[in-house]
Each structure stands twice: as C-alpha cells, then as structure tokens.
C-alpha cells in the first residue's frame, strides 16, 4: 500500500495543474499491529486517468476499498457490557454508510474486538447501512455487531 501511495499519489500532492479530482486517501486498518487512519488530510490532485490507474492497482490488493464523499465523515459510539465501542462513519458514493471500529477511540474494547476479528470474515469487520435506512437501523446494527464481537470466542 505504501508503495502505491508513494508512486501513484505523492507526486500529485501539491500539483493542482490539470486536475479533475482531489483525492483525500485514508486507511482504516483492522489489524491491531498496523497504523490506522494513515495518510489523513493530504490532498492529491489527479486526472481521471491517474485516478483510474490508482483504483485499478488498489483493487488488486486485499481489503475493502471504498470511494467516500469528502466532508461526510462521522463518529458513533455504543455502550455494551459496560464498555464503549467507537466507530468512524464514512458516507460512500453508493449512498451507503460504512462503520469501522475505531481502535484509537476505543482502547478499553480493543482486546475484545481484535480477538474476535481473528474469527470474523472481512465483511463482518465493519457495518454497512443504506443511507435511507440509517434512521431506523443504525442503533440496531451497531448493537448486533457489538453482540457478535462479544459472543465470538
């Protein structure tokens, strides 16, 4: 990942010439041994061809890769079993809200979550809710996810 950013994005960090897009790239890593929220607040000025090339290479890597809408970023938390679980919320171009466990804001629940992550599939390591269902399903889905984590042994 660092190689992709270094070779395909960093050269365009300050160059606004002929840019079609401003990409602000961020990593939310569920691996407890890796840095989370890497590359935050750096704008990369890209043409359509440069963005397409980066996305092509990025999608060859394992993981969940999402195009979010700049400025739509949130934080949610839920308390279960006397422990607070915090989430970073991203709004995607597909009108979905993605909730990623925030290990930086939830240190007291990290050991429980990371032990469960070893047994969860990649798609179970985050929550996806349609923007239209947020009002009705957000709390329920967060509680279900935390219960899944607490019951995974």
C-alpha atoms as a PDB file:
ATOM      1  CA  UNK A   1       0.000   0.000   0.000  1.00  0.00           C
ATOM      2  CA  UNK A   2       2.754   2.441   0.895  1.00  0.00           C
ATOM      3  CA  UNK A   3       4.368   1.744  -2.484  1.00  0.00           C
ATOM      4  CA  UNK A   4       1.146   2.627  -4.327  1.00  0.00           C
ATOM      5  CA  UNK A   5       0.744   5.872  -2.431  1.00  0.00           C
ATOM      6  CA  UNK A   6       4.393   6.787  -2.883  1.00  0.00           C
ATOM      7  CA  UNK A   7       4.466   6.081  -6.620  1.00  0.00           C
ATOM      8  CA  UNK A   8       0.935   6.955  -7.745  1.00  0.00           C
ATOM      9  CA  UNK A   9      -0.248   9.675  -5.361  1.00  0.00           C
ATOM     10  CA  UNK A  10       2.624  11.533  -3.686  1.00  0.00           C
ATOM     11  CA  UNK A  11       3.855  13.114  -6.950  1.00  0.00           C
ATOM     12  CA  UNK A  12       0.462  14.838  -7.169  1.00  0.00           C
ATOM     13  CA  UNK A  13       0.180  16.023  -3.576  1.00  0.00           C
ATOM     14  CA  UNK A  14       0.678  19.701  -4.374  1.00  0.00           C
ATOM     15  CA  UNK A  15       0.211  19.931  -8.117  1.00  0.00           C
ATOM     16  CA  UNK A  16      -3.182  21.370  -8.990  1.00  0.00           C
ATOM     17  CA  UNK A  17      -2.443  21.643 -12.719  1.00  0.00           C
ATOM     18  CA  UNK A  18      -4.950  19.866 -14.945  1.00  0.00           C
ATOM     19  CA  UNK A  19      -6.578  18.041 -12.015  1.00  0.00           C
ATOM     20  CA  UNK A  20     -10.073  16.622 -12.414  1.00  0.00           C
ATOM     21  CA  UNK A  21     -10.317  15.383  -8.820  1.00  0.00           C
ATOM     22  CA  UNK A  22      -8.954  16.000  -5.373  1.00  0.00           C
ATOM     23  CA  UNK A  23      -8.412  12.637  -3.705  1.00  0.00           C
ATOM     24  CA  UNK A  24      -8.033  12.513   0.044  1.00  0.00           C
ATOM     25  CA  UNK A  25      -6.952   8.955   0.793  1.00  0.00           C
ATOM     26  CA  UNK A  26      -7.220   7.338   4.203  1.00  0.00           C
ATOM     27  CA  UNK A  27      -6.661   3.844   5.578  1.00  0.00           C
ATOM     28  CA  UNK A  28      -8.683   2.326   8.407  1.00  0.00           C
ATOM     29  CA  UNK A  29      -6.786  -0.843   9.225  1.00  0.00           C
ATOM     30  CA  UNK A  30      -8.436  -3.512  11.357  1.00  0.00           C
ATOM     31  CA  UNK A  31      -5.080  -5.128  12.096  1.00  0.00           C
ATOM     32  CA  UNK A  32      -4.124  -4.105  15.655  1.00  0.00           C
ATOM     33  CA  UNK A  33      -0.431  -4.107  14.731  1.00  0.00           C
ATOM     34  CA  UNK A  34      -0.777  -1.619  11.896  1.00  0.00           C
ATOM     35  CA  UNK A  35      -1.231   2.125  11.932  1.00  0.00           C
ATOM     36  CA  UNK A  36      -4.816   3.167  11.413  1.00  0.00           C
ATOM     37  CA  UNK A  37      -6.025   6.338   9.744  1.00  0.00           C
ATOM     38  CA  UNK A  38      -2.863   6.690   7.688  1.00  0.00           C
ATOM     39  CA  UNK A  39      -2.456   9.429   5.024  1.00  0.00           C
ATOM     40  CA  UNK A  40      -5.098  11.609   6.627  1.00  0.00           C
ATOM     41  CA  UNK A  41      -5.577  15.183   5.400  1.00  0.00           C
ATOM     42  CA  UNK A  42      -3.340  15.014   2.337  1.00  0.00           C
ATOM     43  CA  UNK A  43      -4.939  16.155  -0.914  1.00  0.00           C
ATOM     44  CA  UNK A  44      -3.798  14.518  -4.153  1.00  0.00           C
ATOM     45  CA  UNK A  45      -4.719  16.349  -7.375  1.00  0.00           C
ATOM     46  CA  UNK A  46      -5.432  13.742 -10.056  1.00  0.00           C
ATOM     47  CA  UNK A  47      -6.697  13.482 -13.591  1.00  0.00           C
ATOM     48  CA  UNK A  48      -9.318  10.877 -14.434  1.00  0.00           C
ATOM     49  CA  UNK A  49      -6.604   8.620 -15.911  1.00  0.00           C
ATOM     50  CA  UNK A  50      -4.443   8.903 -12.772  1.00  0.00           C
ATOM     51  CA  UNK A  51      -7.426   8.127 -10.520  1.00  0.00           C
ATOM     52  CA  UNK A  52      -8.386   5.153 -12.696  1.00  0.00           C
ATOM     53  CA  UNK A  53      -4.810   3.830 -12.567  1.00  0.00           C
ATOM     54  CA  UNK A  54      -4.639   4.176  -8.801  1.00  0.00           C
ATOM     55  CA  UNK A  55      -8.038   2.497  -8.296  1.00  0.00           C
ATOM     56  CA  UNK A  56      -7.060  -0.348 -10.637  1.00  0.00           C
ATOM     57  CA  UNK A  57      -3.884  -1.063  -8.635  1.00  0.00           C
ATOM     58  CA  UNK A  58      -5.666  -0.542  -5.307  1.00  0.00           C
ATOM     59  CA  UNK A  59      -8.422  -3.019  -6.144  1.00  0.00           C
ATOM     60  CA  UNK A  60      -5.796  -5.712  -6.742  1.00  0.00           C
ATOM     61  CA  UNK A  61      -4.883  -5.510  -3.048  1.00  0.00           C
ATOM     62  CA  UNK A  62      -6.920  -7.392  -0.471  1.00  0.00           C
ATOM     63  CA  UNK A  63      -9.224  -5.416   1.732  1.00  0.00           C
ATOM     64  CA  UNK A  64     -12.296  -3.252   1.385  1.00  0.00           C
ATOM     65  CA  UNK A  65     -11.714  -0.216  -0.819  1.00  0.00           C
ATOM     66  CA  UNK A  66     -14.372   2.472  -0.872  1.00  0.00           C
ATOM     67  CA  UNK A  67     -14.847   5.819  -2.576  1.00  0.00           C
ATOM     68  CA  UNK A  68     -16.304   8.143   0.018  1.00  0.00           C
ATOM     69  CA  UNK A  69     -17.689  11.624  -0.285  1.00  0.00           C
ATOM     70  CA  UNK A  70     -15.370  14.281   1.070  1.00  0.00           C
ATOM     71  CA  UNK A  71     -16.693  16.094   4.100  1.00  0.00           C
ATOM     72  CA  UNK A  72     -19.147  13.330   5.073  1.00  0.00           C
ATOM     73  CA  UNK A  73     -17.341  11.769   7.970  1.00  0.00           C
ATOM     74  CA  UNK A  74     -18.701  10.946  11.361  1.00  0.00           C
ATOM     75  CA  UNK A  75     -18.245   9.239  14.687  1.00  0.00           C
ATOM     76  CA  UNK A  76     -20.644   6.977  16.576  1.00  0.00           C
ATOM     77  CA  UNK A  77     -20.341   5.098  19.808  1.00  0.00           C
ATOM     78  CA  UNK A  78     -22.343   2.490  21.618  1.00  0.00           C
ATOM     79  CA  UNK A  79     -22.025   1.114  25.129  1.00  0.00           C
ATOM     80  CA  UNK A  80     -22.441  -2.631  25.646  1.00  0.00           C
ATOM     81  CA  UNK A  81     -21.406  -4.748  28.623  1.00  0.00           C
ATOM     82  CA  UNK A  82     -20.186  -1.556  30.335  1.00  0.00           C
ATOM     83  CA  UNK A  83     -17.684  -0.978  27.527  1.00  0.00           C
ATOM     84  CA  UNK A  84     -17.710   1.791  24.932  1.00  0.00           C
ATOM     85  CA  UNK A  85     -17.236   0.822  21.284  1.00  0.00           C
ATOM     86  CA  UNK A  86     -16.458   3.692  18.907  1.00  0.00           C
ATOM     87  CA  UNK A  87     -16.863   3.805  15.137  1.00  0.00           C
ATOM     88  CA  UNK A  88     -15.704   6.014  12.297  1.00  0.00           C
ATOM     89  CA  UNK A  89     -18.544   6.552   9.815  1.00  0.00           C
ATOM     90  CA  UNK A  90     -17.964   7.116   6.102  1.00  0.00           C
ATOM     91  CA  UNK A  91     -20.574   8.051   3.518  1.00  0.00           C
ATOM     92  CA  UNK A  92     -19.894   6.376   0.179  1.00  0.00           C
ATOM     93  CA  UNK A  93     -20.648   7.347  -3.399  1.00  0.00           C
ATOM     94  CA  UNK A  94     -23.118   4.429  -3.415  1.00  0.00           C
ATOM     95  CA  UNK A  95     -25.251   6.142  -0.713  1.00  0.00           C
ATOM     96  CA  UNK A  96     -24.107   3.727   1.985  1.00  0.00           C
ATOM     97  CA  UNK A  97     -22.802   4.424   5.439  1.00  0.00           C
ATOM     98  CA  UNK A  98     -19.826   2.318   6.497  1.00  0.00           C
ATOM     99  CA  UNK A  99     -18.991   1.976  10.185  1.00  0.00           C
ATOM    100  CA  UNK A 100     -15.436   0.945  11.014  1.00  0.00           C
ATOM    101  CA  UNK A 101     -14.370   0.121  14.545  1.00  0.00           C
ATOM    102  CA  UNK A 102     -12.135   2.951  15.782  1.00  0.00           C
ATOM    103  CA  UNK A 103      -9.273   1.405  17.727  1.00  0.00           C
ATOM    104  CA  UNK A 104      -7.827   4.818  18.586  1.00  0.00           C
ATOM    105  CA  UNK A 105     -11.000   5.964  20.351  1.00  0.00           C
ATOM    106  CA  UNK A 106     -11.862   2.609  21.984  1.00  0.00           C
ATOM    107  CA  UNK A 107      -8.732   1.368  23.757  1.00  0.00           C
ATOM    108  CA  UNK A 108     -10.715  -0.372  26.521  1.00  0.00           C
ATOM    109  CA  UNK A 109     -12.505  -2.604  23.985  1.00  0.00           C
ATOM    110  CA  UNK A 110      -9.555  -3.272  21.646  1.00  0.00           C
ATOM    111  CA  UNK A 111      -8.602  -6.656  23.098  1.00  0.00           C
ATOM    112  CA  UNK A 112     -12.168  -7.978  22.790  1.00  0.00           C
ATOM    113  CA  UNK A 113     -12.572  -6.680  19.236  1.00  0.00           C
ATOM    114  CA  UNK A 114      -9.193  -7.816  17.950  1.00  0.00           C
ATOM    115  CA  UNK A 115      -9.606 -11.310  19.381  1.00  0.00           C
ATOM    116  CA  UNK A 116     -12.962 -11.543  17.587  1.00  0.00           C
ATOM    117  CA  UNK A 117     -11.533 -10.142  14.325  1.00  0.00           C
ATOM    118  CA  UNK A 118      -9.338 -13.233  14.012  1.00  0.00           C
ATOM    119  CA  UNK A 119     -12.522 -15.293  13.624  1.00  0.00           C
ATOM    120  CA  UNK A 120     -14.715 -12.866  11.667  1.00  0.00           C
ATOM    121  CA  UNK A 121     -14.802 -12.678   7.896  1.00  0.00           C
ATOM    122  CA  UNK A 122     -13.574  -9.411   6.326  1.00  0.00           C
ATOM    123  CA  UNK A 123     -17.203  -8.414   5.624  1.00  0.00           C
ATOM    124  CA  UNK A 124     -18.078  -8.894   9.305  1.00  0.00           C
ATOM    125  CA  UNK A 125     -15.341  -6.496  10.422  1.00  0.00           C
ATOM    126  CA  UNK A 126     -17.391  -3.434   9.541  1.00  0.00           C
ATOM    127  CA  UNK A 127     -21.049  -2.454   9.238  1.00  0.00           C
ATOM    128  CA  UNK A 128     -22.803  -1.279   6.081  1.00  0.00           C
ATOM    129  CA  UNK A 129     -26.160   0.509   6.172  1.00  0.00           C
ATOM    130  CA  UNK A 130     -28.044   2.191   3.347  1.00  0.00           C
ATOM    131  CA  UNK A 131     -28.301   5.937   3.865  1.00  0.00           C
ATOM    132  CA  UNK A 132     -32.083   5.590   3.627  1.00  0.00           C
ATOM    133  CA  UNK A 133     -32.194   3.024   6.474  1.00  0.00           C
ATOM    134  CA  UNK A 134     -29.839   4.865   8.835  1.00  0.00           C
ATOM    135  CA  UNK A 135     -32.525   6.446  10.981  1.00  0.00           C
ATOM    136  CA  UNK A 136     -34.220   3.106  11.616  1.00  0.00           C
ATOM    137  CA  UNK A 137     -31.335   0.625  11.629  1.00  0.00           C
ATOM    138  CA  UNK A 138     -28.200   2.374  12.898  1.00  0.00           C
ATOM    139  CA  UNK A 139     -28.533   1.621  16.615  1.00  0.00           C
ATOM    140  CA  UNK A 140     -29.807  -1.916  15.958  1.00  0.00           C
ATOM    141  CA  UNK A 141     -26.974  -2.742  13.538  1.00  0.00           C
ATOM    142  CA  UNK A 142     -24.306  -1.338  15.877  1.00  0.00           C
ATOM    143  CA  UNK A 143     -25.716  -3.349  18.780  1.00  0.00           C
ATOM    144  CA  UNK A 144     -25.854  -6.520  16.646  1.00  0.00           C
ATOM    145  CA  UNK A 145     -22.239  -6.031  15.589  1.00  0.00           C
ATOM    146  CA  UNK A 146     -21.033  -5.497  19.165  1.00  0.00           C
ATOM    147  CA  UNK A 147     -23.008  -8.561  20.303  1.00  0.00           C
ATOM    148  CA  UNK A 148     -21.404 -10.596  17.510  1.00  0.00           C
ATOM    149  CA  UNK A 149     -17.961  -9.440  18.659  1.00  0.00           C
ATOM    150  CA  UNK A 150     -18.711 -10.140  22.326  1.00  0.00           C
ATOM    151  CA  UNK A 151     -20.015 -13.634  21.505  1.00  0.00           C
ATOM    152  CA  UNK A 152     -17.151 -14.602  19.193  1.00  0.00           C
ATOM    153  CA  UNK A 153     -14.656 -16.680  21.120  1.00  0.00           C
END
